[in-house]
Amino acid sequence: MGLNSKSECSRRRQHLKLMETRRENRNIHDNQRRQLAAKYELKHKLFKAFLRDPALPAEAREQMQLKLAKLPRNSSFTRIRNRCIFTGRPRGVYQLFRMSRIVFRELASRGALNGIKKASW
């Protein structure tokens, strides 16, 4: 019985470490996507503007389409996902604070956020 409980505890610890690493990786990947999107933002907008211009010949627009397709996939703003900077949670994230509603509520109730207090009227 003692062996099983020790091995179970070590398995749980390993699982928790793995979960922590995954959460950090999600935030790292999200940050990398944000940096790539900022880097290629001007090129994306330029190529898109050329594509939408009906006055240009079809061949020129086709070339712009190819150039747009050659940009890195993660440089598109649609691939960015708002994530909580503390937990990595992808849903219920307040954009202004970049944290999930759960973390926000916890920090606000502790008084850790300046200028934020529970509403009462």
PDB file of N, CA and C in Angstrom:
ATOM      1  N   MET A   1       0.823  -1.199   0.000  1.00  0.00           N
ATOM      2  CA  MET A   1       0.000   0.000   0.000  1.00  0.00           C
ATOM      3  C   MET A   1       0.865   1.260   0.000  1.00  0.00           C
ATOM      4  N   GLY A   2       1.983   1.230   0.767  1.00  0.00           N
ATOM      5  CA  GLY A   2       2.870   2.373   0.822  1.00  0.00           C
ATOM      6  C   GLY A   2       3.504   2.675  -0.526  1.00  0.00           C
ATOM      7  N   LEU A   3       3.833   1.629  -1.286  1.00  0.00           N
ATOM      8  CA  LEU A   3       4.434   1.818  -2.603  1.00  0.00           C
ATOM      9  C   LEU A   3       3.479   2.493  -3.562  1.00  0.00           C
ATOM     10  N   ASN A   4       2.253   2.057  -3.546  1.00  0.00           N
ATOM     11  CA  ASN A   4       1.268   2.638  -4.457  1.00  0.00           C
ATOM     12  C   ASN A   4       1.034   4.106  -4.163  1.00  0.00           C
ATOM     13  N   SER A   5       0.949   4.465  -2.908  1.00  0.00           N
ATOM     14  CA  SER A   5       0.676   5.864  -2.578  1.00  0.00           C
ATOM     15  C   SER A   5       1.867   6.752  -2.938  1.00  0.00           C
ATOM     16  N   LYS A   6       3.114   6.239  -2.741  1.00  0.00           N
ATOM     17  CA  LYS A   6       4.292   7.029  -3.115  1.00  0.00           C
ATOM     18  C   LYS A   6       4.364   7.216  -4.624  1.00  0.00           C
ATOM     19  N   SER A   7       4.126   6.133  -5.341  1.00  0.00           N
ATOM     20  CA  SER A   7       4.190   6.253  -6.798  1.00  0.00           C
ATOM     21  C   SER A   7       3.052   7.128  -7.318  1.00  0.00           C
ATOM     22  N   GLU A   8       1.906   7.046  -6.658  1.00  0.00           N
ATOM     23  CA  GLU A   8       0.763   7.886  -7.056  1.00  0.00           C
ATOM     24  C   GLU A   8       1.082   9.363  -6.830  1.00  0.00           C
ATOM     25  N   CYS A   9       1.712   9.663  -5.696  1.00  0.00           N
ATOM     26  CA  CYS A   9       2.088  11.051  -5.399  1.00  0.00           C
ATOM     27  C   CYS A   9       3.109  11.571  -6.404  1.00  0.00           C
ATOM     28  N   SER A  10       4.088  10.735  -6.733  1.00  0.00           N
ATOM     29  CA  SER A  10       5.099  11.182  -7.690  1.00  0.00           C
ATOM     30  C   SER A  10       4.489  11.375  -9.069  1.00  0.00           C
ATOM     31  N   ARG A  11       3.539  10.515  -9.444  1.00  0.00           N
ATOM     32  CA  ARG A  11       2.845  10.681 -10.726  1.00  0.00           C
ATOM     33  C   ARG A  11       2.058  11.986 -10.758  1.00  0.00           C
ATOM     34  N   ARG A  12       1.411  12.295  -9.652  1.00  0.00           N
ATOM     35  CA  ARG A  12       0.643  13.548  -9.574  1.00  0.00           C
ATOM     36  C   ARG A  12       1.562  14.762  -9.672  1.00  0.00           C
ATOM     37  N   ARG A  13       2.710  14.685  -8.978  1.00  0.00           N
ATOM     38  CA  ARG A  13       3.666  15.792  -9.056  1.00  0.00           C
ATOM     39  C   ARG A  13       4.168  15.993 -10.479  1.00  0.00           C
ATOM     40  N   GLN A  14       4.478  14.893 -11.151  1.00  0.00           N
ATOM     41  CA  GLN A  14       4.930  14.970 -12.544  1.00  0.00           C
ATOM     42  C   GLN A  14       3.850  15.566 -13.430  1.00  0.00           C
ATOM     43  N   HIS A  15       2.607  15.162 -13.182  1.00  0.00           N
ATOM     44  CA  HIS A  15       1.489  15.674 -13.969  1.00  0.00           C
ATOM     45  C   HIS A  15       1.328  17.177 -13.756  1.00  0.00           C
ATOM     46  N   LEU A  16       1.454  17.620 -12.505  1.00  0.00           N
ATOM     47  CA  LEU A  16       1.334  19.051 -12.211  1.00  0.00           C
ATOM     48  C   LEU A  16       2.459  19.851 -12.876  1.00  0.00           C
ATOM     49  N   LYS A  17       3.678  19.306 -12.855  1.00  0.00           N
ATOM     50  CA  LYS A  17       4.801  19.978 -13.519  1.00  0.00           C
ATOM     51  C   LYS A  17       4.549  20.081 -15.019  1.00  0.00           C
ATOM     52  N   LEU A  18       4.026  18.997 -15.586  1.00  0.00           N
ATOM     53  CA  LEU A  18       3.733  18.989 -17.016  1.00  0.00           C
ATOM     54  C   LEU A  18       2.671  20.025 -17.360  1.00  0.00           C
ATOM     55  N   MET A  19       1.638  20.117 -16.516  1.00  0.00           N
ATOM     56  CA  MET A  19       0.569  21.098 -16.749  1.00  0.00           C
ATOM     57  C   MET A  19       1.120  22.519 -16.671  1.00  0.00           C
ATOM     58  N   GLU A  20       1.998  22.762 -15.697  1.00  0.00           N
ATOM     59  CA  GLU A  20       2.610  24.072 -15.543  1.00  0.00           C
ATOM     60  C   GLU A  20       3.429  24.434 -16.783  1.00  0.00           C
ATOM     61  N   THR A  21       4.182  23.474 -17.296  1.00  0.00           N
ATOM     62  CA  THR A  21       5.001  23.696 -18.485  1.00  0.00           C
ATOM     63  C   THR A  21       4.131  23.989 -19.689  1.00  0.00           C
ATOM     64  N   ARG A  22       3.044  23.249 -19.831  1.00  0.00           N
ATOM     65  CA  ARG A  22       2.143  23.484 -20.964  1.00  0.00           C
ATOM     66  C   ARG A  22       1.541  24.881 -20.909  1.00  0.00           C
ATOM     67  N   ARG A  23       1.152  25.319 -19.697  1.00  0.00           N
ATOM     68  CA  ARG A  23       0.567  26.645 -19.555  1.00  0.00           C
ATOM     69  C   ARG A  23       1.582  27.715 -19.960  1.00  0.00           C
ATOM     70  N   GLU A  24       2.819  27.550 -19.504  1.00  0.00           N
ATOM     71  CA  GLU A  24       3.859  28.503 -19.867  1.00  0.00           C
ATOM     72  C   GLU A  24       4.101  28.493 -21.368  1.00  0.00           C
ATOM     73  N   ASN A  25       4.101  27.297 -21.974  1.00  0.00           N
ATOM     74  CA  ASN A  25       4.314  27.190 -23.415  1.00  0.00           C
ATOM     75  C   ASN A  25       3.215  27.893 -24.190  1.00  0.00           C
ATOM     76  N   ARG A  26       1.966  27.755 -23.724  1.00  0.00           N
ATOM     77  CA  ARG A  26       0.865  28.434 -24.410  1.00  0.00           C
ATOM     78  C   ARG A  26       1.084  29.937 -24.432  1.00  0.00           C
ATOM     79  N   ASN A  27       1.479  30.478 -23.296  1.00  0.00           N
ATOM     80  CA  ASN A  27       1.704  31.916 -23.224  1.00  0.00           C
ATOM     81  C   ASN A  27       2.910  32.327 -24.057  1.00  0.00           C
ATOM     82  N   ILE A  28       3.928  31.490 -24.099  1.00  0.00           N
ATOM     83  CA  ILE A  28       5.115  31.788 -24.914  1.00  0.00           C
ATOM     84  C   ILE A  28       4.743  31.795 -26.392  1.00  0.00           C
ATOM     85  N   HIS A  29       3.983  30.784 -26.829  1.00  0.00           N
ATOM     86  CA  HIS A  29       3.572  30.711 -28.231  1.00  0.00           C
ATOM     87  C   HIS A  29       2.674  31.898 -28.595  1.00  0.00           C
ATOM     88  N   ASP A  30       1.790  32.267 -27.690  1.00  0.00           N
ATOM     89  CA  ASP A  30       0.915  33.405 -27.944  1.00  0.00           C
ATOM     90  C   ASP A  30       1.740  34.682 -28.096  1.00  0.00           C
ATOM     91  N   ASN A  31       2.727  34.850 -27.238  1.00  0.00           N
ATOM     92  CA  ASN A  31       3.583  36.034 -27.322  1.00  0.00           C
ATOM     93  C   ASN A  31       4.379  36.047 -28.619  1.00  0.00           C
ATOM     94  N   GLN A  32       4.870  34.890 -29.051  1.00  0.00           N
ATOM     95  CA  GLN A  32       5.607  34.813 -30.308  1.00  0.00           C
ATOM     96  C   GLN A  32       4.703  35.189 -31.483  1.00  0.00           C
ATOM     97  N   ARG A  33       3.466  34.728 -31.448  1.00  0.00           N
ATOM     98  CA  ARG A  33       2.521  35.080 -32.520  1.00  0.00           C
ATOM     99  C   ARG A  33       2.256  36.570 -32.541  1.00  0.00           C
ATOM    100  N   ARG A  34       2.118  37.163 -31.364  1.00  0.00           N
ATOM    101  CA  ARG A  34       1.891  38.611 -31.287  1.00  0.00           C
ATOM    102  C   ARG A  34       3.070  39.379 -31.881  1.00  0.00           C
ATOM    103  N   GLN A  35       4.283  38.937 -31.580  1.00  0.00           N
ATOM    104  CA  GLN A  35       5.465  39.616 -32.116  1.00  0.00           C
ATOM    105  C   GLN A  35       5.559  39.462 -33.633  1.00  0.00           C
ATOM    106  N   LEU A  36       5.270  38.264 -34.136  1.00  0.00           N
ATOM    107  CA  LEU A  36       5.290  38.045 -35.585  1.00  0.00           C
ATOM    108  C   LEU A  36       4.230  38.883 -36.285  1.00  0.00           C
ATOM    109  N   ALA A  37       3.038  38.941 -35.688  1.00  0.00           N
ATOM    110  CA  ALA A  37       1.959  39.720 -36.290  1.00  0.00           C
ATOM    111  C   ALA A  37       2.334  41.196 -36.347  1.00  0.00           C
ATOM    112  N   ALA A  38       2.960  41.695 -35.300  1.00  0.00           N
ATOM    113  CA  ALA A  38       3.385  43.098 -35.291  1.00  0.00           C
ATOM    114  C   ALA A  38       4.475  43.342 -36.332  1.00  0.00           C
ATOM    115  N   LYS A  39       5.363  42.372 -36.484  1.00  0.00           N
ATOM    116  CA  LYS A  39       6.470  42.514 -37.432  1.00  0.00           C
ATOM    117  C   LYS A  39       5.966  42.573 -38.876  1.00  0.00           C
ATOM    118  N   TYR A  40       5.000  41.719 -39.218  1.00  0.00           N
ATOM    119  CA  TYR A  40       4.520  41.615 -40.594  1.00  0.00           C
ATOM    120  C   TYR A  40       3.221  42.386 -40.852  1.00  0.00           C
ATOM    121  N   GLU A  41       2.794  43.183 -39.893  1.00  0.00           N
ATOM    122  CA  GLU A  41       1.514  43.892 -40.030  1.00  0.00           C
ATOM    123  C   GLU A  41       1.469  44.774 -41.277  1.00  0.00           C
ATOM    124  N   LEU A  42       2.503  45.541 -41.498  1.00  0.00           N
ATOM    125  CA  LEU A  42       2.530  46.456 -42.635  1.00  0.00           C
ATOM    126  C   LEU A  42       2.478  45.693 -43.962  1.00  0.00           C
ATOM    127  N   LYS A  43       3.246  44.608 -44.074  1.00  0.00           N
ATOM    128  CA  LYS A  43       3.235  43.815 -45.310  1.00  0.00           C
ATOM    129  C   LYS A  43       1.860  43.207 -45.552  1.00  0.00           C
ATOM    130  N   HIS A  44       1.251  42.670 -44.486  1.00  0.00           N
ATOM    131  CA  HIS A  44      -0.090  42.091 -44.617  1.00  0.00           C
ATOM    132  C   HIS A  44      -1.074  43.120 -45.167  1.00  0.00           C
ATOM    133  N   LYS A  45      -1.053  44.299 -44.573  1.00  0.00           N
ATOM    134  CA  LYS A  45      -2.007  45.339 -44.991  1.00  0.00           C
ATOM    135  C   LYS A  45      -1.743  45.786 -46.422  1.00  0.00           C
ATOM    136  N   LEU A  46      -0.465  45.883 -46.797  1.00  0.00           N
ATOM    137  CA  LEU A  46      -0.105  46.295 -48.144  1.00  0.00           C
ATOM    138  C   LEU A  46      -0.583  45.281 -49.177  1.00  0.00           C
ATOM    139  N   PHE A  47      -0.276  44.007 -48.942  1.00  0.00           N
ATOM    140  CA  PHE A  47      -0.681  42.962 -49.879  1.00  0.00           C
ATOM    141  C   PHE A  47      -2.196  42.858 -49.972  1.00  0.00           C
ATOM    142  N   LYS A  48      -2.880  43.006 -48.855  1.00  0.00           N
ATOM    143  CA  LYS A  48      -4.344  42.942 -48.849  1.00  0.00           C
ATOM    144  C   LYS A  48      -4.932  44.115 -49.637  1.00  0.00           C
ATOM    145  N   ALA A  49      -4.327  45.279 -49.489  1.00  0.00           N
ATOM    146  CA  ALA A  49      -4.815  46.458 -50.214  1.00  0.00           C
ATOM    147  C   ALA A  49      -4.660  46.249 -51.721  1.00  0.00           C
ATOM    148  N   PHE A  50      -3.531  45.681 -52.140  1.00  0.00           N
ATOM    149  CA  PHE A  50      -3.340  45.394 -53.563  1.00  0.00           C
ATOM    150  C   PHE A  50      -4.355  44.368 -54.059  1.00  0.00           C
ATOM    151  N   LEU A  51      -4.635  43.372 -53.238  1.00  0.00           N
ATOM    152  CA  LEU A  51      -5.598  42.334 -53.631  1.00  0.00           C
ATOM    153  C   LEU A  51      -7.003  42.887 -53.813  1.00  0.00           C
ATOM    154  N   ARG A  52      -7.358  43.858 -53.002  1.00  0.00           N
ATOM    155  CA  ARG A  52      -8.723  44.414 -53.046  1.00  0.00           C
ATOM    156  C   ARG A  52      -8.905  45.469 -54.140  1.00  0.00           C
ATOM    157  N   ASP A  53      -7.809  45.919 -54.730  1.00  0.00           N
ATOM    158  CA  ASP A  53      -7.884  46.986 -55.728  1.00  0.00           C
ATOM    159  C   ASP A  53      -8.314  46.412 -57.076  1.00  0.00           C
ATOM    160  N   PRO A  54      -9.535  46.714 -57.524  1.00  0.00           N
ATOM    161  CA  PRO A  54     -10.005  46.167 -58.799  1.00  0.00           C
ATOM    162  C   PRO A  54      -9.346  46.823 -60.017  1.00  0.00           C
ATOM    163  N   ALA A  55      -8.688  47.965 -59.834  1.00  0.00           N
ATOM    164  CA  ALA A  55      -8.041  48.647 -60.949  1.00  0.00           C
ATOM    165  C   ALA A  55      -6.763  47.938 -61.403  1.00  0.00           C
ATOM    166  N   LEU A  56      -6.175  47.158 -60.548  1.00  0.00           N
ATOM    167  CA  LEU A  56      -4.951  46.437 -60.910  1.00  0.00           C
ATOM    168  C   LEU A  56      -5.275  45.249 -61.815  1.00  0.00           C
ATOM    169  N   PRO A  57      -4.340  44.897 -62.690  1.00  0.00           N
ATOM    170  CA  PRO A  57      -4.557  43.711 -63.521  1.00  0.00           C
ATOM    171  C   PRO A  57      -4.557  42.433 -62.665  1.00  0.00           C
ATOM    172  N   ALA A  58      -5.219  41.427 -63.173  1.00  0.00           N
ATOM    173  CA  ALA A  58      -5.357  40.169 -62.429  1.00  0.00           C
ATOM    174  C   ALA A  58      -4.000  39.538 -62.135  1.00  0.00           C
ATOM    175  N   GLU A  59      -3.062  39.696 -63.070  1.00  0.00           N
ATOM    176  CA  GLU A  59      -1.742  39.105 -62.879  1.00  0.00           C
ATOM    177  C   GLU A  59      -1.018  39.723 -61.679  1.00  0.00           C
ATOM    178  N   ALA A  60      -1.112  41.039 -61.542  1.00  0.00           N
ATOM    179  CA  ALA A  60      -0.466  41.728 -60.413  1.00  0.00           C
ATOM    180  C   ALA A  60      -1.107  41.311 -59.097  1.00  0.00           C
ATOM    181  N   ARG A  61      -2.428  41.189 -59.098  1.00  0.00           N
ATOM    182  CA  ARG A  61      -3.112  40.762 -57.874  1.00  0.00           C
ATOM    183  C   ARG A  61      -2.742  39.320 -57.516  1.00  0.00           C
ATOM    184  N   GLU A  62      -2.544  38.510 -58.518  1.00  0.00           N
ATOM    185  CA  GLU A  62      -2.153  37.125 -58.289  1.00  0.00           C
ATOM    186  C   GLU A  62      -0.761  37.053 -57.644  1.00  0.00           C
ATOM    187  N   GLN A  63       0.137  37.915 -58.110  1.00  0.00           N
ATOM    188  CA  GLN A  63       1.475  37.970 -57.523  1.00  0.00           C
ATOM    189  C   GLN A  63       1.413  38.390 -56.050  1.00  0.00           C
ATOM    190  N   MET A  64       0.543  39.350 -55.764  1.00  0.00           N
ATOM    191  CA  MET A  64       0.384  39.798 -54.376  1.00  0.00           C
ATOM    192  C   MET A  64      -0.200  38.675 -53.517  1.00  0.00           C
ATOM    193  N   GLN A  65      -1.088  37.896 -54.108  1.00  0.00           N
ATOM    194  CA  GLN A  65      -1.674  36.757 -53.394  1.00  0.00           C
ATOM    195  C   GLN A  65      -0.581  35.738 -53.030  1.00  0.00           C
ATOM    196  N   LEU A  66       0.334  35.500 -53.961  1.00  0.00           N
ATOM    197  CA  LEU A  66       1.441  34.581 -53.699  1.00  0.00           C
ATOM    198  C   LEU A  66       2.367  35.111 -52.608  1.00  0.00           C
ATOM    199  N   LYS A  67       2.649  36.415 -52.649  1.00  0.00           N
ATOM    200  CA  LYS A  67       3.502  37.014 -51.621  1.00  0.00           C
ATOM    201  C   LYS A  67       2.841  36.935 -50.246  1.00  0.00           C
ATOM    202  N   LEU A  68       1.541  37.157 -50.223  1.00  0.00           N
ATOM    203  CA  LEU A  68       0.804  37.069 -48.966  1.00  0.00           C
ATOM    204  C   LEU A  68       0.836  35.640 -48.421  1.00  0.00           C
ATOM    205  N   ALA A  69       0.723  34.680 -49.315  1.00  0.00           N
ATOM    206  CA  ALA A  69       0.733  33.277 -48.902  1.00  0.00           C
ATOM    207  C   ALA A  69       2.105  32.839 -48.393  1.00  0.00           C
ATOM    208  N   LYS A  70       3.164  33.509 -48.832  1.00  0.00           N
ATOM    209  CA  LYS A  70       4.510  33.131 -48.409  1.00  0.00           C
ATOM    210  C   LYS A  70       4.880  33.695 -47.039  1.00  0.00           C
ATOM    211  N   LEU A  71       4.083  34.620 -46.522  1.00  0.00           N
ATOM    212  CA  LEU A  71       4.359  35.141 -45.180  1.00  0.00           C
ATOM    213  C   LEU A  71       4.114  34.032 -44.155  1.00  0.00           C
ATOM    214  N   PRO A  72       4.783  34.095 -43.011  1.00  0.00           N
ATOM    215  CA  PRO A  72       4.580  33.054 -41.991  1.00  0.00           C
ATOM    216  C   PRO A  72       3.121  32.982 -41.555  1.00  0.00           C
ATOM    217  N   ARG A  73       2.677  31.781 -41.323  1.00  0.00           N
ATOM    218  CA  ARG A  73       1.286  31.562 -40.941  1.00  0.00           C
ATOM    219  C   ARG A  73       0.936  32.258 -39.628  1.00  0.00           C
ATOM    220  N   ASN A  74       1.841  32.201 -38.680  1.00  0.00           N
ATOM    221  CA  ASN A  74       1.587  32.799 -37.371  1.00  0.00           C
ATOM    222  C   ASN A  74       1.696  34.317 -37.368  1.00  0.00           C
ATOM    223  N   SER A  75       1.976  34.916 -38.510  1.00  0.00           N
ATOM    224  CA  SER A  75       2.060  36.375 -38.565  1.00  0.00           C
ATOM    225  C   SER A  75       0.682  36.998 -38.804  1.00  0.00           C
ATOM    226  N   SER A  76      -0.332  36.174 -38.917  1.00  0.00           N
ATOM    227  CA  SER A  76      -1.688  36.682 -39.119  1.00  0.00           C
ATOM    228  C   SER A  76      -2.338  37.000 -37.768  1.00  0.00           C
ATOM    229  N   PHE A  77      -3.050  38.123 -37.708  1.00  0.00           N
ATOM    230  CA  PHE A  77      -3.691  38.525 -36.460  1.00  0.00           C
ATOM    231  C   PHE A  77      -4.822  37.578 -36.067  1.00  0.00           C
ATOM    232  N   THR A  78      -5.363  36.849 -37.023  1.00  0.00           N
ATOM    233  CA  THR A  78      -6.449  35.938 -36.687  1.00  0.00           C
ATOM    234  C   THR A  78      -5.956  34.730 -35.898  1.00  0.00           C
ATOM    235  N   ARG A  79      -4.657  34.492 -35.888  1.00  0.00           N
ATOM    236  CA  ARG A  79      -4.118  33.348 -35.148  1.00  0.00           C
ATOM    237  C   ARG A  79      -3.762  33.697 -33.707  1.00  0.00           C
ATOM    238  N   ILE A  80      -3.917  34.954 -33.360  1.00  0.00           N
ATOM    239  CA  ILE A  80      -3.643  35.375 -31.984  1.00  0.00           C
ATOM    240  C   ILE A  80      -4.878  35.078 -31.139  1.00  0.00           C
ATOM    241  N   ARG A  81      -4.639  34.512 -29.978  1.00  0.00           N
ATOM    242  CA  ARG A  81      -5.722  34.198 -29.049  1.00  0.00           C
ATOM    243  C   ARG A  81      -5.442  34.932 -27.746  1.00  0.00           C
ATOM    244  N   ASN A  82      -6.418  35.694 -27.281  1.00  0.00           N
ATOM    245  CA  ASN A  82      -6.238  36.367 -25.999  1.00  0.00           C
ATOM    246  C   ASN A  82      -6.196  35.320 -24.893  1.00  0.00           C
ATOM    247  N   ARG A  83      -5.118  35.332 -24.135  1.00  0.00           N
ATOM    248  CA  ARG A  83      -4.950  34.379 -23.040  1.00  0.00           C
ATOM    249  C   ARG A  83      -4.609  35.115 -21.757  1.00  0.00           C
ATOM    250  N   CYS A  84      -4.996  34.510 -20.654  1.00  0.00           N
ATOM    251  CA  CYS A  84      -4.660  35.050 -19.343  1.00  0.00           C
ATOM    252  C   CYS A  84      -3.155  34.932 -19.151  1.00  0.00           C
ATOM    253  N   ILE A  85      -2.521  36.007 -18.708  1.00  0.00           N
ATOM    254  CA  ILE A  85      -1.077  35.982 -18.533  1.00  0.00           C
ATOM    255  C   ILE A  85      -0.669  35.171 -17.309  1.00  0.00           C
ATOM    256  N   PHE A  86      -1.595  34.906 -16.406  1.00  0.00           N
ATOM    257  CA  PHE A  86      -1.286  34.132 -15.203  1.00  0.00           C
ATOM    258  C   PHE A  86      -1.561  32.645 -15.389  1.00  0.00           C
ATOM    259  N   THR A  87      -2.706  32.315 -15.982  1.00  0.00           N
ATOM    260  CA  THR A  87      -3.111  30.910 -16.054  1.00  0.00           C
ATOM    261  C   THR A  87      -3.068  30.329 -17.457  1.00  0.00           C
ATOM    262  N   GLY A  88      -3.031  31.155 -18.484  1.00  0.00           N
ATOM    263  CA  GLY A  88      -3.053  30.664 -19.854  1.00  0.00           C
ATOM    264  C   GLY A  88      -4.454  30.353 -20.339  1.00  0.00           C
ATOM    265  N   ARG A  89      -5.455  30.658 -19.532  1.00  0.00           N
ATOM    266  CA  ARG A  89      -6.841  30.370 -19.882  1.00  0.00           C
ATOM    267  C   ARG A  89      -7.247  31.186 -21.117  1.00  0.00           C
ATOM    268  N   PRO A  90      -7.858  30.533 -22.140  1.00  0.00           N
ATOM    269  CA  PRO A  90      -8.189  31.244 -23.368  1.00  0.00           C
ATOM    270  C   PRO A  90      -9.572  31.911 -23.371  1.00  0.00           C
ATOM    271  N   ARG A  91     -10.420  31.560 -22.417  1.00  0.00           N
ATOM    272  CA  ARG A  91     -11.780  32.110 -22.421  1.00  0.00           C
ATOM    273  C   ARG A  91     -12.000  33.003 -21.209  1.00  0.00           C
ATOM    274  N   GLY A  92     -12.895  33.956 -21.378  1.00  0.00           N
ATOM    275  CA  GLY A  92     -13.223  34.840 -20.269  1.00  0.00           C
ATOM    276  C   GLY A  92     -12.067  35.738 -19.888  1.00  0.00           C
ATOM    277  N   VAL A  93     -11.350  36.237 -20.892  1.00  0.00           N
ATOM    278  CA  VAL A  93     -10.182  37.077 -20.638  1.00  0.00           C
ATOM    279  C   VAL A  93     -10.560  38.536 -20.874  1.00  0.00           C
ATOM    280  N   TYR A  94     -10.315  39.369 -19.861  1.00  0.00           N
ATOM    281  CA  TYR A  94     -10.537  40.805 -20.014  1.00  0.00           C
ATOM    282  C   TYR A  94      -9.366  41.381 -20.797  1.00  0.00           C
ATOM    283  N   GLN A  95      -9.677  41.974 -21.931  1.00  0.00           N
ATOM    284  CA  GLN A  95      -8.636  42.442 -22.840  1.00  0.00           C
ATOM    285  C   GLN A  95      -7.795  43.554 -22.213  1.00  0.00           C
ATOM    286  N   LEU A  96      -8.432  44.416 -21.437  1.00  0.00           N
ATOM    287  CA  LEU A  96      -7.732  45.542 -20.836  1.00  0.00           C
ATOM    288  C   LEU A  96      -6.667  45.085 -19.840  1.00  0.00           C
ATOM    289  N   PHE A  97      -6.978  44.043 -19.086  1.00  0.00           N
ATOM    290  CA  PHE A  97      -6.070  43.573 -18.048  1.00  0.00           C
ATOM    291  C   PHE A  97      -5.254  42.353 -18.473  1.00  0.00           C
ATOM    292  N   ARG A  98      -5.637  41.701 -19.571  1.00  0.00           N
ATOM    293  CA  ARG A  98      -5.001  40.480 -20.066  1.00  0.00           C
ATOM    294  C   ARG A  98      -4.994  39.377 -19.006  1.00  0.00           C
ATOM    295  N   MET A  99      -6.089  39.283 -18.272  1.00  0.00           N
ATOM    296  CA  MET A  99      -6.229  38.204 -17.298  1.00  0.00           C
ATOM    297  C   MET A  99      -7.650  37.677 -17.320  1.00  0.00           C
ATOM    298  N   SER A 100      -7.791  36.427 -16.901  1.00  0.00           N
ATOM    299  CA  SER A 100      -9.106  35.795 -16.936  1.00  0.00           C
ATOM    300  C   SER A 100      -9.995  36.385 -15.853  1.00  0.00           C
ATOM    301  N   ARG A 101     -11.276  36.182 -16.010  1.00  0.00           N
ATOM    302  CA  ARG A 101     -12.253  36.716 -15.062  1.00  0.00           C
ATOM    303  C   ARG A 101     -12.036  36.133 -13.669  1.00  0.00           C
ATOM    304  N   ILE A 102     -11.568  34.896 -13.610  1.00  0.00           N
ATOM    305  CA  ILE A 102     -11.362  34.228 -12.331  1.00  0.00           C
ATOM    306  C   ILE A 102     -10.195  34.868 -11.580  1.00  0.00           C
ATOM    307  N   VAL A 103      -9.085  35.062 -12.275  1.00  0.00           N
ATOM    308  CA  VAL A 103      -7.906  35.680 -11.662  1.00  0.00           C
ATOM    309  C   VAL A 103      -8.211  37.132 -11.316  1.00  0.00           C
ATOM    310  N   PHE A 104      -8.930  37.816 -12.203  1.00  0.00           N
ATOM    311  CA  PHE A 104      -9.289  39.210 -11.962  1.00  0.00           C
ATOM    312  C   PHE A 104     -10.088  39.340 -10.675  1.00  0.00           C
ATOM    313  N   ARG A 105     -11.076  38.472 -10.511  1.00  0.00           N
ATOM    314  CA  ARG A 105     -11.934  38.529  -9.321  1.00  0.00           C
ATOM    315  C   ARG A 105     -11.124  38.255  -8.061  1.00  0.00           C
ATOM    316  N   GLU A 106     -10.237  37.288  -8.143  1.00  0.00           N
ATOM    317  CA  GLU A 106      -9.401  36.941  -6.992  1.00  0.00           C
ATOM    318  C   GLU A 106      -8.496  38.110  -6.602  1.00  0.00           C
ATOM    319  N   LEU A 107      -7.814  38.701  -7.573  1.00  0.00           N
ATOM    320  CA  LEU A 107      -6.905  39.812  -7.284  1.00  0.00           C
ATOM    321  C   LEU A 107      -7.666  41.047  -6.815  1.00  0.00           C
ATOM    322  N   ALA A 108      -8.833  41.300  -7.412  1.00  0.00           N
ATOM    323  CA  ALA A 108      -9.625  42.463  -7.018  1.00  0.00           C
ATOM    324  C   ALA A 108     -10.147  42.310  -5.590  1.00  0.00           C
ATOM    325  N   SER A 109     -10.561  41.112  -5.222  1.00  0.00           N
ATOM    326  CA  SER A 109     -11.081  40.908  -3.865  1.00  0.00           C
ATOM    327  C   SER A 109      -9.973  41.002  -2.821  1.00  0.00           C
ATOM    328  N   ARG A 110      -8.717  40.681  -3.214  1.00  0.00           N
ATOM    329  CA  ARG A 110      -7.579  40.822  -2.313  1.00  0.00           C
ATOM    330  C   ARG A 110      -7.079  42.261  -2.246  1.00  0.00           C
ATOM    331  N   GLY A 111      -7.555  43.104  -3.195  1.00  0.00           N
ATOM    332  CA  GLY A 111      -7.104  44.494  -3.228  1.00  0.00           C
ATOM    333  C   GLY A 111      -5.776  44.661  -3.933  1.00  0.00           C
ATOM    334  N   ALA A 112      -5.402  43.690  -4.764  1.00  0.00           N
ATOM    335  CA  ALA A 112      -4.111  43.736  -5.452  1.00  0.00           C
ATOM    336  C   ALA A 112      -4.157  44.595  -6.712  1.00  0.00           C
ATOM    337  N   LEU A 113      -5.341  44.981  -7.172  1.00  0.00           N
ATOM    338  CA  LEU A 113      -5.471  45.819  -8.362  1.00  0.00           C
ATOM    339  C   LEU A 113      -5.832  47.243  -7.937  1.00  0.00           C
ATOM    340  N   ASN A 114      -4.964  48.180  -8.260  1.00  0.00           N
ATOM    341  CA  ASN A 114      -5.208  49.570  -7.886  1.00  0.00           C
ATOM    342  C   ASN A 114      -6.415  50.140  -8.620  1.00  0.00           C
ATOM    343  N   GLY A 115      -7.257  50.824  -7.898  1.00  0.00           N
ATOM    344  CA  GLY A 115      -8.409  51.488  -8.495  1.00  0.00           C
ATOM    345  C   GLY A 115      -9.594  50.585  -8.761  1.00  0.00           C
ATOM    346  N   ILE A 116      -9.507  49.324  -8.390  1.00  0.00           N
ATOM    347  CA  ILE A 116     -10.591  48.381  -8.609  1.00  0.00           C
ATOM    348  C   ILE A 116     -11.182  48.011  -7.255  1.00  0.00           C
ATOM    349  N   LYS A 117     -12.489  48.190  -7.139  1.00  0.00           N
ATOM    350  CA  LYS A 117     -13.160  47.726  -5.926  1.00  0.00           C
ATOM    351  C   LYS A 117     -14.541  47.226  -6.304  1.00  0.00           C
ATOM    352  N   LYS A 118     -15.071  46.394  -5.469  1.00  0.00           N
ATOM    353  CA  LYS A 118     -16.365  45.785  -5.725  1.00  0.00           C
ATOM    354  C   LYS A 118     -17.447  46.859  -5.738  1.00  0.00           C
ATOM    355  N   ALA A 119     -18.322  46.771  -6.719  1.00  0.00           N
ATOM    356  CA  ALA A 119     -19.369  47.774  -6.838  1.00  0.00           C
ATOM    357  C   ALA A 119     -20.444  47.553  -5.782  1.00  0.00           C
ATOM    358  N   SER A 120     -20.915  48.651  -5.214  1.00  0.00           N
ATOM    359  CA  SER A 120     -22.052  48.573  -4.289  1.00  0.00           C
ATOM    360  C   SER A 120     -22.791  49.894  -4.369  1.00  0.00           C
ATOM    361  N   TRP A 121     -24.081  49.810  -4.558  1.00  0.00           N
ATOM    362  CA  TRP A 121     -24.881  51.040  -4.646  1.00  0.00           C
ATOM    363  C   TRP A 121     -26.229  50.837  -4.025  1.00  0.00           C
TER     364      TRP A 121
END
